[in-house]
């Protein structure tokens, strides 16, 4: 013989008021085999109805949660692929979509910013992003490329001499052209004089040539 629940027992079981349970019973859709012989005896709800209702609710909840998870997963994958395309103008590989979907959209945006800020061109984005994830790179902590310093060498006097001082004699005559302003020639004269006083003999002829040009322009020495 089947056992039954009372309205009070079902109310306590579901955490609902007795009036809510009675409303369910009157509609007949939740516990279809419930019976009521009299107001005194009240409703009798078969245990089989309660078990069936609970199993149905559990299956529905599982299905809804699964659909929500799948929907969110698909949405994340789509967004990840889209933002990657915007940042790189290329479509990500399936492997890269899986990686970025796993870390989430917010982290993906950070990683793509790190990728864009890389001081050198990234030839392998997948390997770069894997390393960025593993080492926890952020836009604030991305490693900067350090230029290799050249060995220190004492500057020689020749390095600071203008290149036109080392040109051929024919080319040196062009050091003072008609297009040069007097002010430019005076600056050049002062520079040549400094080099000559430092012991650079190659500046002597140029200094004399420039002096004659300036004298023709009314500058006296």
N, C-alpha and C. Protein backbone atom coordinates (compact mmCIF):
# COMPACT_ATOMS: atom_id res chain seq x y z
N UNK A 1 0.85 -1.20 0.00
CA UNK A 1 0.00 0.00 0.00
C UNK A 1 0.89 1.25 0.00
N UNK A 2 0.56 2.19 -0.86
CA UNK A 2 1.40 3.39 -1.01
C UNK A 2 1.20 4.34 0.16
N UNK A 3 2.28 4.92 0.59
CA UNK A 3 2.24 5.92 1.66
C UNK A 3 2.00 7.30 1.07
N UNK A 4 1.56 8.20 1.92
CA UNK A 4 1.21 9.55 1.47
C UNK A 4 1.87 10.60 2.36
N UNK A 5 2.03 11.80 1.74
CA UNK A 5 2.46 12.98 2.49
C UNK A 5 1.24 13.84 2.74
N UNK A 6 1.29 14.59 3.84
CA UNK A 6 0.25 15.58 4.10
C UNK A 6 0.69 16.93 3.53
N UNK A 7 -0.25 17.86 3.49
CA UNK A 7 0.08 19.21 3.00
C UNK A 7 1.15 19.84 3.88
N UNK A 8 1.05 19.63 5.20
CA UNK A 8 2.02 20.22 6.12
C UNK A 8 3.41 19.66 5.88
N UNK A 9 3.50 18.36 5.64
CA UNK A 9 4.80 17.72 5.40
C UNK A 9 5.44 18.24 4.10
N UNK A 10 4.60 18.37 3.08
CA UNK A 10 5.12 18.89 1.80
C UNK A 10 5.55 20.34 1.96
N UNK A 11 4.79 21.11 2.75
CA UNK A 11 5.12 22.51 2.99
C UNK A 11 6.49 22.64 3.64
N UNK A 12 6.75 21.77 4.63
CA UNK A 12 8.05 21.80 5.31
C UNK A 12 9.16 21.31 4.40
N UNK A 13 8.85 20.32 3.58
CA UNK A 13 9.84 19.74 2.68
C UNK A 13 10.31 20.73 1.63
N UNK A 14 9.40 21.52 1.10
CA UNK A 14 9.72 22.46 0.03
C UNK A 14 9.99 23.88 0.53
N UNK A 15 9.71 24.11 1.81
CA UNK A 15 9.90 25.45 2.35
C UNK A 15 8.88 26.43 1.81
N UNK A 16 7.70 25.96 1.51
CA UNK A 16 6.62 26.80 1.00
C UNK A 16 5.47 26.81 2.01
N UNK A 17 4.61 27.81 1.88
CA UNK A 17 3.45 27.87 2.77
C UNK A 17 2.44 26.78 2.39
N UNK A 18 1.59 26.44 3.34
CA UNK A 18 0.58 25.41 3.07
C UNK A 18 -0.40 25.87 2.00
N UNK A 19 -0.68 27.17 1.94
CA UNK A 19 -1.57 27.69 0.91
C UNK A 19 -0.98 27.51 -0.48
N UNK A 20 0.35 27.68 -0.60
CA UNK A 20 1.01 27.47 -1.89
C UNK A 20 0.90 26.01 -2.31
N UNK A 21 1.08 25.08 -1.36
CA UNK A 21 0.99 23.65 -1.66
C UNK A 21 -0.43 23.30 -2.10
N UNK A 22 -1.42 23.86 -1.40
CA UNK A 22 -2.83 23.60 -1.77
C UNK A 22 -3.13 24.13 -3.17
N UNK A 23 -2.54 25.27 -3.52
CA UNK A 23 -2.74 25.82 -4.86
C UNK A 23 -2.15 24.88 -5.91
N UNK A 24 -1.00 24.32 -5.63
CA UNK A 24 -0.40 23.33 -6.54
C UNK A 24 -1.33 22.14 -6.72
N UNK A 25 -1.91 21.71 -5.58
CA UNK A 25 -2.78 20.52 -5.61
C UNK A 25 -4.06 20.79 -6.40
N UNK A 26 -4.59 21.98 -6.26
CA UNK A 26 -5.82 22.31 -6.99
C UNK A 26 -5.56 22.35 -8.50
N UNK A 27 -4.37 22.83 -8.90
CA UNK A 27 -4.04 22.85 -10.32
C UNK A 27 -3.79 21.45 -10.86
N UNK A 28 -3.30 20.57 -10.01
CA UNK A 28 -3.14 19.17 -10.39
C UNK A 28 -1.97 18.86 -11.31
N UNK A 29 -1.08 19.82 -11.57
CA UNK A 29 0.02 19.55 -12.49
C UNK A 29 1.28 19.07 -11.80
N UNK A 30 1.46 19.36 -10.50
CA UNK A 30 2.68 18.97 -9.80
C UNK A 30 2.53 17.60 -9.14
N UNK A 31 1.40 17.40 -8.52
CA UNK A 31 1.12 16.10 -7.89
C UNK A 31 -0.22 15.59 -8.43
N UNK A 32 -0.24 15.03 -9.62
CA UNK A 32 -1.50 14.67 -10.30
C UNK A 32 -2.32 13.57 -9.62
N UNK A 33 -1.70 12.74 -8.79
CA UNK A 33 -2.42 11.62 -8.16
C UNK A 33 -2.82 11.90 -6.73
N UNK A 34 -2.67 13.17 -6.30
CA UNK A 34 -3.08 13.53 -4.94
C UNK A 34 -4.60 13.41 -4.81
N UNK A 35 -5.06 13.02 -3.61
CA UNK A 35 -6.50 12.83 -3.40
C UNK A 35 -6.95 13.60 -2.16
N UNK A 36 -8.24 13.93 -2.17
CA UNK A 36 -8.82 14.63 -1.03
C UNK A 36 -10.23 14.09 -0.83
N UNK A 37 -10.44 13.31 0.25
CA UNK A 37 -11.76 12.73 0.52
C UNK A 37 -12.67 13.70 1.25
N UNK A 38 -12.05 14.53 2.11
CA UNK A 38 -12.86 15.48 2.86
C UNK A 38 -11.97 16.59 3.37
N UNK A 39 -12.59 17.70 3.75
CA UNK A 39 -11.82 18.81 4.31
C UNK A 39 -11.15 18.40 5.62
N UNK A 40 -11.77 17.49 6.35
CA UNK A 40 -11.23 17.06 7.63
C UNK A 40 -9.94 16.26 7.43
N UNK A 41 -10.01 15.31 6.48
CA UNK A 41 -8.83 14.49 6.22
C UNK A 41 -7.76 15.29 5.46
N UNK A 42 -8.21 16.23 4.62
CA UNK A 42 -7.27 17.03 3.84
C UNK A 42 -6.69 16.26 2.67
N UNK A 43 -5.70 16.88 2.06
CA UNK A 43 -5.06 16.27 0.89
C UNK A 43 -4.08 15.17 1.31
N UNK A 44 -4.02 14.13 0.45
CA UNK A 44 -3.03 13.08 0.60
C UNK A 44 -2.20 13.01 -0.70
N UNK A 45 -0.92 13.25 -0.55
CA UNK A 45 -0.04 13.30 -1.74
C UNK A 45 0.81 12.02 -1.77
N UNK A 46 0.67 11.21 -2.81
CA UNK A 46 1.44 9.97 -2.90
C UNK A 46 2.95 10.25 -2.93
N UNK A 47 3.69 9.38 -2.25
CA UNK A 47 5.15 9.51 -2.26
C UNK A 47 5.69 9.41 -3.67
N UNK A 48 5.06 8.57 -4.50
CA UNK A 48 5.51 8.41 -5.90
C UNK A 48 5.40 9.71 -6.66
N UNK A 49 4.34 10.52 -6.38
CA UNK A 49 4.19 11.82 -7.05
C UNK A 49 5.32 12.77 -6.65
N UNK A 50 5.65 12.74 -5.34
CA UNK A 50 6.70 13.64 -4.84
C UNK A 50 8.05 13.25 -5.44
N UNK A 51 8.34 11.94 -5.48
CA UNK A 51 9.60 11.48 -6.04
C UNK A 51 9.70 11.83 -7.53
N UNK A 52 8.59 11.65 -8.23
CA UNK A 52 8.58 11.97 -9.67
C UNK A 52 8.82 13.46 -9.90
N UNK A 53 8.16 14.28 -9.08
CA UNK A 53 8.30 15.73 -9.21
C UNK A 53 9.74 16.16 -8.93
N UNK A 54 10.35 15.54 -7.91
CA UNK A 54 11.72 15.90 -7.57
C UNK A 54 12.70 15.47 -8.66
N UNK A 55 12.50 14.28 -9.23
CA UNK A 55 13.37 13.82 -10.32
C UNK A 55 13.24 14.71 -11.54
N UNK A 56 12.00 15.10 -11.84
CA UNK A 56 11.76 15.97 -13.00
C UNK A 56 12.43 17.33 -12.81
N UNK A 57 12.30 17.86 -11.58
CA UNK A 57 12.90 19.16 -11.29
C UNK A 57 14.42 19.09 -11.39
N UNK A 58 15.02 18.00 -10.89
CA UNK A 58 16.47 17.84 -10.94
C UNK A 58 16.97 17.77 -12.38
N UNK A 59 16.25 17.01 -13.22
CA UNK A 59 16.65 16.88 -14.62
C UNK A 59 16.54 18.22 -15.34
N UNK A 60 15.46 18.96 -15.03
CA UNK A 60 15.27 20.26 -15.65
C UNK A 60 16.38 21.23 -15.25
N UNK A 61 16.73 21.19 -13.95
CA UNK A 61 17.78 22.07 -13.45
C UNK A 61 19.13 21.75 -14.08
N UNK A 62 19.41 20.43 -14.20
CA UNK A 62 20.67 20.01 -14.82
C UNK A 62 20.72 20.45 -16.27
N UNK A 63 19.61 20.28 -16.99
CA UNK A 63 19.56 20.65 -18.40
C UNK A 63 19.72 22.15 -18.57
N UNK A 64 19.05 22.94 -17.73
CA UNK A 64 19.16 24.40 -17.83
C UNK A 64 20.57 24.87 -17.53
N UNK A 65 21.19 24.26 -16.50
CA UNK A 65 22.57 24.63 -16.17
C UNK A 65 23.53 24.27 -17.29
N UNK A 66 23.31 23.12 -17.91
CA UNK A 66 24.17 22.69 -19.01
C UNK A 66 24.03 23.61 -20.20
N UNK A 67 22.80 23.98 -20.52
CA UNK A 67 22.57 24.89 -21.64
C UNK A 67 23.19 26.25 -21.37
N UNK A 68 23.08 26.70 -20.11
CA UNK A 68 23.67 27.99 -19.75
C UNK A 68 25.19 27.94 -19.88
N UNK A 69 25.80 26.82 -19.41
CA UNK A 69 27.25 26.68 -19.49
C UNK A 69 27.71 26.64 -20.94
N UNK A 70 27.02 25.85 -21.76
CA UNK A 70 27.38 25.74 -23.17
C UNK A 70 27.22 27.08 -23.87
N UNK A 71 26.12 27.77 -23.55
CA UNK A 71 25.87 29.07 -24.17
C UNK A 71 26.94 30.07 -23.80
N UNK A 72 27.32 30.08 -22.50
CA UNK A 72 28.36 31.01 -22.05
C UNK A 72 29.69 30.66 -22.68
N UNK A 73 29.98 29.35 -22.82
CA UNK A 73 31.23 28.92 -23.40
C UNK A 73 31.33 29.35 -24.86
N UNK A 74 30.23 29.14 -25.60
CA UNK A 74 30.23 29.54 -27.01
C UNK A 74 30.36 31.05 -27.14
N UNK A 75 29.69 31.77 -26.24
CA UNK A 75 29.76 33.22 -26.30
C UNK A 75 31.17 33.71 -26.02
N UNK A 76 31.85 33.09 -25.04
CA UNK A 76 33.23 33.47 -24.72
C UNK A 76 34.16 33.20 -25.88
N UNK A 77 34.01 32.06 -26.52
CA UNK A 77 34.86 31.70 -27.66
C UNK A 77 34.68 32.69 -28.80
N UNK A 78 33.43 33.08 -29.04
CA UNK A 78 33.16 34.04 -30.11
C UNK A 78 33.79 35.39 -29.81
N UNK A 79 33.64 35.85 -28.57
CA UNK A 79 34.20 37.14 -28.18
C UNK A 79 35.72 37.12 -28.22
N UNK A 80 36.31 36.02 -27.77
CA UNK A 80 37.77 35.89 -27.78
C UNK A 80 38.30 35.97 -29.20
N UNK A 81 37.65 35.23 -30.11
CA UNK A 81 38.08 35.24 -31.51
C UNK A 81 37.94 36.64 -32.11
N UNK A 82 36.85 37.33 -31.74
CA UNK A 82 36.60 38.66 -32.30
C UNK A 82 37.63 39.68 -31.84
N UNK A 83 37.90 39.72 -30.53
CA UNK A 83 38.86 40.71 -30.03
C UNK A 83 40.28 40.40 -30.53
N UNK A 84 40.58 39.12 -30.73
CA UNK A 84 41.90 38.77 -31.28
C UNK A 84 42.03 39.30 -32.71
N UNK A 85 40.96 39.15 -33.49
CA UNK A 85 40.98 39.66 -34.87
C UNK A 85 41.15 41.17 -34.89
N UNK A 86 40.47 41.86 -33.98
CA UNK A 86 40.58 43.32 -33.92
C UNK A 86 42.01 43.74 -33.58
N UNK A 87 42.64 43.00 -32.65
CA UNK A 87 43.97 43.38 -32.19
C UNK A 87 45.07 43.04 -33.19
N UNK A 88 44.89 41.94 -33.94
CA UNK A 88 45.98 41.44 -34.79
C UNK A 88 45.65 41.44 -36.27
N UNK A 89 44.38 41.67 -36.61
CA UNK A 89 43.93 41.61 -38.01
C UNK A 89 44.12 40.22 -38.62
N UNK A 90 44.19 39.19 -37.78
CA UNK A 90 44.27 37.81 -38.23
C UNK A 90 43.33 36.97 -37.38
N UNK A 91 42.90 35.80 -37.91
CA UNK A 91 41.99 34.95 -37.16
C UNK A 91 42.80 33.97 -36.33
N UNK A 92 42.45 33.77 -35.05
CA UNK A 92 43.24 32.88 -34.18
C UNK A 92 43.02 31.42 -34.54
N UNK A 93 44.02 30.61 -34.25
CA UNK A 93 43.90 29.17 -34.45
C UNK A 93 42.97 28.58 -33.40
N UNK A 94 42.52 27.35 -33.64
CA UNK A 94 41.64 26.69 -32.68
C UNK A 94 42.34 26.51 -31.34
N UNK A 95 43.63 26.21 -31.38
CA UNK A 95 44.40 26.06 -30.15
C UNK A 95 44.41 27.36 -29.37
N UNK A 96 44.62 28.47 -30.06
CA UNK A 96 44.68 29.77 -29.40
C UNK A 96 43.32 30.16 -28.83
N UNK A 97 42.26 29.85 -29.55
CA UNK A 97 40.91 30.14 -29.04
C UNK A 97 40.65 29.37 -27.76
N UNK A 98 41.07 28.10 -27.73
CA UNK A 98 40.89 27.29 -26.52
C UNK A 98 41.67 27.87 -25.34
N UNK A 99 42.89 28.31 -25.60
CA UNK A 99 43.74 28.87 -24.54
C UNK A 99 43.13 30.16 -23.98
N UNK A 100 42.75 31.05 -24.89
CA UNK A 100 42.23 32.35 -24.46
C UNK A 100 40.85 32.21 -23.83
N UNK A 101 40.04 31.26 -24.29
CA UNK A 101 38.73 31.02 -23.68
C UNK A 101 38.90 30.52 -22.26
N UNK A 102 39.94 29.73 -22.03
CA UNK A 102 40.19 29.18 -20.70
C UNK A 102 40.55 30.29 -19.71
N UNK A 103 41.38 31.25 -20.13
CA UNK A 103 41.80 32.31 -19.20
C UNK A 103 40.74 33.40 -19.05
N UNK A 104 39.75 33.42 -19.96
CA UNK A 104 38.67 34.39 -19.83
C UNK A 104 38.87 35.64 -20.68
N UNK A 105 37.77 36.34 -20.90
CA UNK A 105 37.80 37.51 -21.80
C UNK A 105 38.64 38.65 -21.23
N UNK A 106 38.53 38.91 -19.93
CA UNK A 106 39.27 40.02 -19.33
C UNK A 106 40.77 39.81 -19.46
N UNK A 107 41.23 38.58 -19.14
CA UNK A 107 42.66 38.27 -19.24
C UNK A 107 43.11 38.29 -20.69
N UNK A 108 42.22 37.86 -21.59
CA UNK A 108 42.54 37.89 -23.03
C UNK A 108 42.82 39.31 -23.49
N UNK A 109 42.01 40.26 -23.05
CA UNK A 109 42.22 41.66 -23.42
C UNK A 109 43.57 42.16 -22.91
N UNK A 110 43.94 41.76 -21.69
CA UNK A 110 45.26 42.15 -21.15
C UNK A 110 46.38 41.55 -21.99
N UNK A 111 46.23 40.27 -22.33
CA UNK A 111 47.28 39.59 -23.11
C UNK A 111 47.44 40.20 -24.49
N UNK A 112 46.34 40.58 -25.11
CA UNK A 112 46.42 41.19 -26.44
C UNK A 112 47.07 42.57 -26.37
N UNK A 113 46.85 43.27 -25.26
CA UNK A 113 47.52 44.56 -25.07
C UNK A 113 49.02 44.35 -24.89
N UNK A 114 49.39 43.30 -24.16
CA UNK A 114 50.81 42.94 -24.01
C UNK A 114 51.40 42.63 -25.37
N UNK A 115 50.65 41.90 -26.19
CA UNK A 115 51.12 41.55 -27.53
C UNK A 115 51.36 42.79 -28.38
N UNK A 116 50.42 43.75 -28.30
CA UNK A 116 50.55 44.98 -29.08
C UNK A 116 51.72 45.84 -28.59
N UNK A 117 52.04 45.75 -27.29
CA UNK A 117 53.09 46.59 -26.72
C UNK A 117 54.48 45.97 -26.84
N UNK A 118 54.55 44.78 -27.43
CA UNK A 118 55.85 44.11 -27.54
C UNK A 118 56.83 45.00 -28.31
N UNK A 119 58.05 45.20 -27.78
CA UNK A 119 59.02 46.09 -28.43
C UNK A 119 59.53 45.55 -29.77
N UNK A 120 59.35 44.26 -30.01
CA UNK A 120 59.77 43.68 -31.30
C UNK A 120 58.59 42.92 -31.91
N UNK A 121 58.62 42.73 -33.20
CA UNK A 121 57.54 42.06 -33.89
C UNK A 121 57.41 40.62 -33.41
N UNK A 122 56.17 40.21 -33.09
CA UNK A 122 55.92 38.86 -32.60
C UNK A 122 55.66 37.95 -33.79
N UNK A 123 56.57 37.01 -34.04
CA UNK A 123 56.45 36.12 -35.18
C UNK A 123 55.56 34.92 -34.87
N UNK A 124 55.48 34.54 -33.60
CA UNK A 124 54.67 33.38 -33.20
C UNK A 124 53.75 33.80 -32.05
N UNK A 125 52.58 34.33 -32.36
CA UNK A 125 51.67 34.83 -31.32
C UNK A 125 51.26 33.75 -30.32
N UNK A 126 51.06 32.52 -30.79
CA UNK A 126 50.64 31.46 -29.87
C UNK A 126 51.69 31.21 -28.81
N UNK A 127 52.95 31.06 -29.22
CA UNK A 127 54.04 30.84 -28.27
C UNK A 127 54.21 32.04 -27.35
N UNK A 128 54.08 33.24 -27.92
CA UNK A 128 54.22 34.47 -27.13
C UNK A 128 53.15 34.53 -26.04
N UNK A 129 51.89 34.26 -26.40
CA UNK A 129 50.80 34.34 -25.44
C UNK A 129 50.88 33.24 -24.39
N UNK A 130 51.35 32.06 -24.79
CA UNK A 130 51.55 30.99 -23.81
C UNK A 130 52.56 31.41 -22.75
N UNK A 131 53.64 32.01 -23.21
CA UNK A 131 54.68 32.46 -22.28
C UNK A 131 54.16 33.59 -21.40
N UNK A 132 53.37 34.48 -22.00
CA UNK A 132 52.80 35.59 -21.22
C UNK A 132 51.88 35.07 -20.12
N UNK A 133 51.12 34.01 -20.43
CA UNK A 133 50.23 33.41 -19.43
C UNK A 133 51.04 32.72 -18.35
N UNK A 134 52.03 31.93 -18.77
CA UNK A 134 52.85 31.17 -17.82
C UNK A 134 53.60 32.09 -16.87
N UNK A 135 54.14 33.18 -17.40
CA UNK A 135 54.97 34.07 -16.58
C UNK A 135 54.19 35.25 -16.00
N UNK A 136 52.88 35.29 -16.29
CA UNK A 136 52.04 36.32 -15.68
C UNK A 136 52.30 37.72 -16.15
N UNK A 137 52.64 37.88 -17.44
CA UNK A 137 52.90 39.22 -17.95
C UNK A 137 51.62 40.06 -17.94
N UNK A 138 51.78 41.33 -17.70
CA UNK A 138 50.69 42.30 -17.78
C UNK A 138 51.19 43.50 -18.58
N UNK A 139 50.28 44.40 -19.00
CA UNK A 139 50.74 45.60 -19.72
C UNK A 139 51.73 46.44 -18.91
N UNK A 140 51.72 46.28 -17.58
CA UNK A 140 52.63 47.05 -16.74
C UNK A 140 53.96 46.33 -16.49
N UNK A 141 54.00 45.02 -16.72
CA UNK A 141 55.21 44.25 -16.39
C UNK A 141 55.84 43.57 -17.59
N UNK A 142 55.39 43.89 -18.80
CA UNK A 142 55.95 43.25 -19.99
C UNK A 142 57.46 43.51 -20.07
N UNK A 143 58.26 42.47 -20.30
CA UNK A 143 59.72 42.67 -20.40
C UNK A 143 60.07 43.60 -21.55
N UNK A 144 60.97 44.50 -21.30
CA UNK A 144 61.41 45.44 -22.33
C UNK A 144 62.72 44.97 -22.94
N UNK A 145 62.85 45.17 -24.21
CA UNK A 145 64.07 44.77 -24.89
C UNK A 145 65.22 45.69 -24.48
N UNK A 146 66.28 45.08 -24.04
CA UNK A 146 67.45 45.85 -23.61
C UNK A 146 68.47 45.86 -24.74
N UNK A 147 68.80 47.05 -25.19
CA UNK A 147 69.79 47.17 -26.26
C UNK A 147 71.18 46.82 -25.72
N UNK A 148 71.89 46.02 -26.47
CA UNK A 148 73.23 45.63 -26.07
C UNK A 148 74.18 46.83 -26.18
N UNK A 149 74.83 47.13 -25.07
CA UNK A 149 75.72 48.29 -25.05
C UNK A 149 77.03 47.97 -25.75
N UNK A 150 77.50 48.93 -26.51
CA UNK A 150 78.77 48.76 -27.19
C UNK A 150 79.90 48.92 -26.18
N UNK A 151 80.99 48.18 -26.36
CA UNK A 151 82.14 48.33 -25.44
C UNK A 151 82.62 49.77 -25.43
N UNK A 152 82.95 50.24 -24.25
CA UNK A 152 83.38 51.63 -24.11
C UNK A 152 84.75 51.82 -24.77
N UNK A 153 84.81 52.84 -25.54
CA UNK A 153 86.11 53.19 -26.14
C UNK A 153 86.31 54.69 -26.03
N UNK A 154 87.51 55.07 -25.74
CA UNK A 154 87.81 56.48 -25.58
C UNK A 154 87.68 57.20 -26.92
N UNK A 155 86.87 58.23 -27.00
CA UNK A 155 86.69 58.92 -28.27
C UNK A 155 88.00 59.56 -28.73
N UNK A 156 88.30 59.37 -29.98
CA UNK A 156 89.50 60.00 -30.53
C UNK A 156 89.13 61.31 -31.19
N UNK A 157 90.10 62.13 -31.41
CA UNK A 157 89.85 63.46 -31.95
C UNK A 157 89.22 63.40 -33.33
N UNK A 158 89.54 62.35 -34.06
CA UNK A 158 89.04 62.23 -35.43
C UNK A 158 87.53 62.06 -35.45
N UNK A 159 86.94 61.43 -34.41
CA UNK A 159 85.51 61.16 -34.38
C UNK A 159 84.67 62.42 -34.27
N UNK A 160 85.27 63.47 -33.71
CA UNK A 160 84.47 64.68 -33.51
C UNK A 160 84.73 65.73 -34.60
N UNK A 161 85.50 65.35 -35.61
CA UNK A 161 85.76 66.27 -36.71
C UNK A 161 84.67 66.12 -37.75
N UNK A 162 84.09 67.20 -38.24
CA UNK A 162 83.07 67.10 -39.28
C UNK A 162 83.58 66.31 -40.48
N UNK A 163 82.70 65.55 -41.11
CA UNK A 163 83.12 64.69 -42.20
C UNK A 163 83.69 65.48 -43.37
N UNK A 164 83.22 66.71 -43.55
CA UNK A 164 83.71 67.46 -44.69
C UNK A 164 85.16 67.91 -44.55
N UNK A 165 85.75 67.78 -43.34
CA UNK A 165 87.16 68.10 -43.18
C UNK A 165 88.05 67.02 -43.77
N UNK A 166 87.51 65.80 -43.92
CA UNK A 166 88.29 64.68 -44.41
C UNK A 166 88.06 64.41 -45.89
N UNK A 167 87.36 65.29 -46.55
CA UNK A 167 87.09 65.10 -47.96
C UNK A 167 88.31 65.52 -48.80
N UNK A 168 88.21 65.25 -50.07
CA UNK A 168 89.31 65.63 -50.98
C UNK A 168 89.42 67.15 -51.07
N UNK A 169 90.57 67.58 -51.59
CA UNK A 169 90.81 69.03 -51.69
C UNK A 169 89.78 69.71 -52.58
N UNK A 170 89.40 69.02 -53.68
CA UNK A 170 88.40 69.60 -54.59
C UNK A 170 87.07 69.76 -53.89
N UNK A 171 86.73 68.74 -53.08
CA UNK A 171 85.44 68.80 -52.39
C UNK A 171 85.47 69.82 -51.28
N UNK A 172 86.65 70.02 -50.67
CA UNK A 172 86.75 70.97 -49.57
C UNK A 172 86.49 72.40 -50.02
N UNK A 173 86.74 72.68 -51.28
CA UNK A 173 86.53 74.05 -51.77
C UNK A 173 85.05 74.41 -51.78
N UNK A 174 84.21 73.38 -51.74
CA UNK A 174 82.77 73.63 -51.74
C UNK A 174 82.24 73.88 -50.34
N UNK A 175 83.13 73.96 -49.35
CA UNK A 175 82.71 74.16 -47.98
C UNK A 175 82.02 75.51 -47.80
N UNK A 176 82.36 76.46 -48.64
CA UNK A 176 81.72 77.77 -48.59
C UNK A 176 81.09 78.05 -49.94
N UNK A 177 79.78 77.94 -50.00
CA UNK A 177 79.07 78.17 -51.26
C UNK A 177 78.28 79.47 -51.18
N UNK A 178 77.79 79.88 -52.33
CA UNK A 178 77.00 81.11 -52.38
C UNK A 178 75.70 80.97 -51.59
N UNK A 179 75.24 79.72 -51.47
CA UNK A 179 73.96 79.51 -50.76
C UNK A 179 74.12 79.63 -49.25
N UNK A 180 75.35 79.51 -48.75
CA UNK A 180 75.56 79.61 -47.31
C UNK A 180 75.43 81.06 -46.86
N UNK A 181 74.71 81.26 -45.77
CA UNK A 181 74.59 82.60 -45.22
C UNK A 181 75.87 82.97 -44.47
N UNK A 182 76.06 84.26 -44.28
CA UNK A 182 77.25 84.74 -43.56
C UNK A 182 77.27 84.19 -42.14
N UNK A 183 76.10 84.11 -41.54
CA UNK A 183 76.01 83.59 -40.17
C UNK A 183 76.45 82.13 -40.11
N UNK A 184 76.04 81.35 -41.11
CA UNK A 184 76.45 79.95 -41.16
C UNK A 184 77.96 79.83 -41.34
N UNK A 185 78.52 80.67 -42.18
CA UNK A 185 79.96 80.62 -42.42
C UNK A 185 80.76 81.03 -41.19
N UNK A 186 80.23 82.01 -40.43
CA UNK A 186 80.91 82.42 -39.20
C UNK A 186 80.91 81.29 -38.16
N UNK A 187 79.80 80.57 -38.09
CA UNK A 187 79.73 79.44 -37.17
C UNK A 187 80.72 78.36 -37.59
N UNK A 188 80.80 78.15 -38.90
CA UNK A 188 81.73 77.14 -39.42
C UNK A 188 83.19 77.58 -39.17
N UNK A 189 83.41 78.85 -39.31
CA UNK A 189 84.76 79.39 -39.07
C UNK A 189 85.18 79.15 -37.61
N UNK A 190 84.27 79.45 -36.68
CA UNK A 190 84.58 79.25 -35.25
C UNK A 190 84.87 77.78 -34.95
N UNK A 191 84.11 76.90 -35.61
CA UNK A 191 84.30 75.46 -35.39
C UNK A 191 85.66 75.02 -35.93
N UNK A 192 85.98 75.48 -37.14
CA UNK A 192 87.27 75.13 -37.73
C UNK A 192 88.44 75.66 -36.88
N UNK A 193 88.26 76.86 -36.37
CA UNK A 193 89.31 77.46 -35.56
C UNK A 193 89.55 76.63 -34.30
N UNK A 194 88.44 76.12 -33.72
CA UNK A 194 88.56 75.29 -32.52
C UNK A 194 89.33 74.02 -32.81
N UNK A 195 89.02 73.39 -33.97
CA UNK A 195 89.71 72.16 -34.33
C UNK A 195 91.21 72.42 -34.60
N UNK A 196 91.46 73.55 -35.24
CA UNK A 196 92.85 73.90 -35.55
C UNK A 196 93.65 74.12 -34.27
N UNK A 197 93.03 74.79 -33.31
CA UNK A 197 93.70 75.06 -32.05
C UNK A 197 93.90 73.78 -31.24
N UNK A 198 93.09 72.77 -31.53
CA UNK A 198 93.24 71.48 -30.86
C UNK A 198 94.32 70.63 -31.51
N UNK A 199 94.90 71.14 -32.60
CA UNK A 199 95.99 70.42 -33.24
C UNK A 199 95.62 69.70 -34.51
N UNK A 200 94.42 69.97 -35.01
CA UNK A 200 93.99 69.32 -36.24
C UNK A 200 94.47 70.13 -37.44
N UNK A 201 95.56 69.70 -38.07
CA UNK A 201 96.17 70.44 -39.16
C UNK A 201 95.29 70.46 -40.41
N UNK A 202 94.39 69.47 -40.52
CA UNK A 202 93.54 69.42 -41.72
C UNK A 202 92.58 70.60 -41.79
N UNK A 203 92.40 71.28 -40.66
CA UNK A 203 91.48 72.41 -40.63
C UNK A 203 92.14 73.71 -41.08
N UNK A 204 93.46 73.72 -41.18
CA UNK A 204 94.18 74.96 -41.46
C UNK A 204 93.80 75.55 -42.82
N UNK A 205 93.89 74.72 -43.88
CA UNK A 205 93.58 75.22 -45.22
C UNK A 205 92.14 75.68 -45.32
N UNK A 206 91.26 74.92 -44.71
CA UNK A 206 89.85 75.30 -44.74
C UNK A 206 89.61 76.61 -44.01
N UNK A 207 90.32 76.79 -42.93
CA UNK A 207 90.18 78.01 -42.14
C UNK A 207 90.61 79.24 -42.96
N UNK A 208 91.70 79.09 -43.69
CA UNK A 208 92.20 80.19 -44.52
C UNK A 208 91.22 80.48 -45.67
N UNK A 209 90.71 79.42 -46.28
CA UNK A 209 89.77 79.59 -47.38
C UNK A 209 88.50 80.29 -46.91
N UNK A 210 88.00 79.85 -45.77
CA UNK A 210 86.78 80.43 -45.23
C UNK A 210 86.99 81.88 -44.81
N UNK A 211 88.17 82.19 -44.32
CA UNK A 211 88.49 83.56 -43.92
C UNK A 211 88.45 84.50 -45.12
N UNK A 212 88.98 84.05 -46.27
CA UNK A 212 88.97 84.87 -47.49
C UNK A 212 87.53 85.12 -47.96
N UNK A 213 86.71 84.06 -47.88
CA UNK A 213 85.31 84.22 -48.30
C UNK A 213 84.60 85.24 -47.42
N UNK A 214 84.83 85.16 -46.12
CA UNK A 214 84.18 86.08 -45.20
C UNK A 214 84.68 87.51 -45.37
N UNK A 215 85.94 87.66 -45.70
CA UNK A 215 86.49 89.00 -45.93
C UNK A 215 85.83 89.63 -47.15
N UNK A 216 85.57 88.81 -48.18
CA UNK A 216 84.87 89.33 -49.36
C UNK A 216 83.45 89.76 -49.01
N UNK A 217 82.90 89.19 -47.94
CA UNK A 217 81.56 89.58 -47.53
C UNK A 217 81.57 90.70 -46.50
N UNK A 218 82.75 91.30 -46.32
CA UNK A 218 82.84 92.47 -45.44
C UNK A 218 83.16 92.15 -44.02
N UNK A 219 83.54 90.90 -43.72
CA UNK A 219 83.90 90.55 -42.35
C UNK A 219 85.42 90.69 -42.20
N UNK A 220 85.82 91.47 -41.21
CA UNK A 220 87.26 91.68 -40.97
C UNK A 220 87.72 90.85 -39.78
N UNK A 221 88.97 90.42 -39.82
CA UNK A 221 89.54 89.59 -38.74
C UNK A 221 90.71 90.31 -38.07
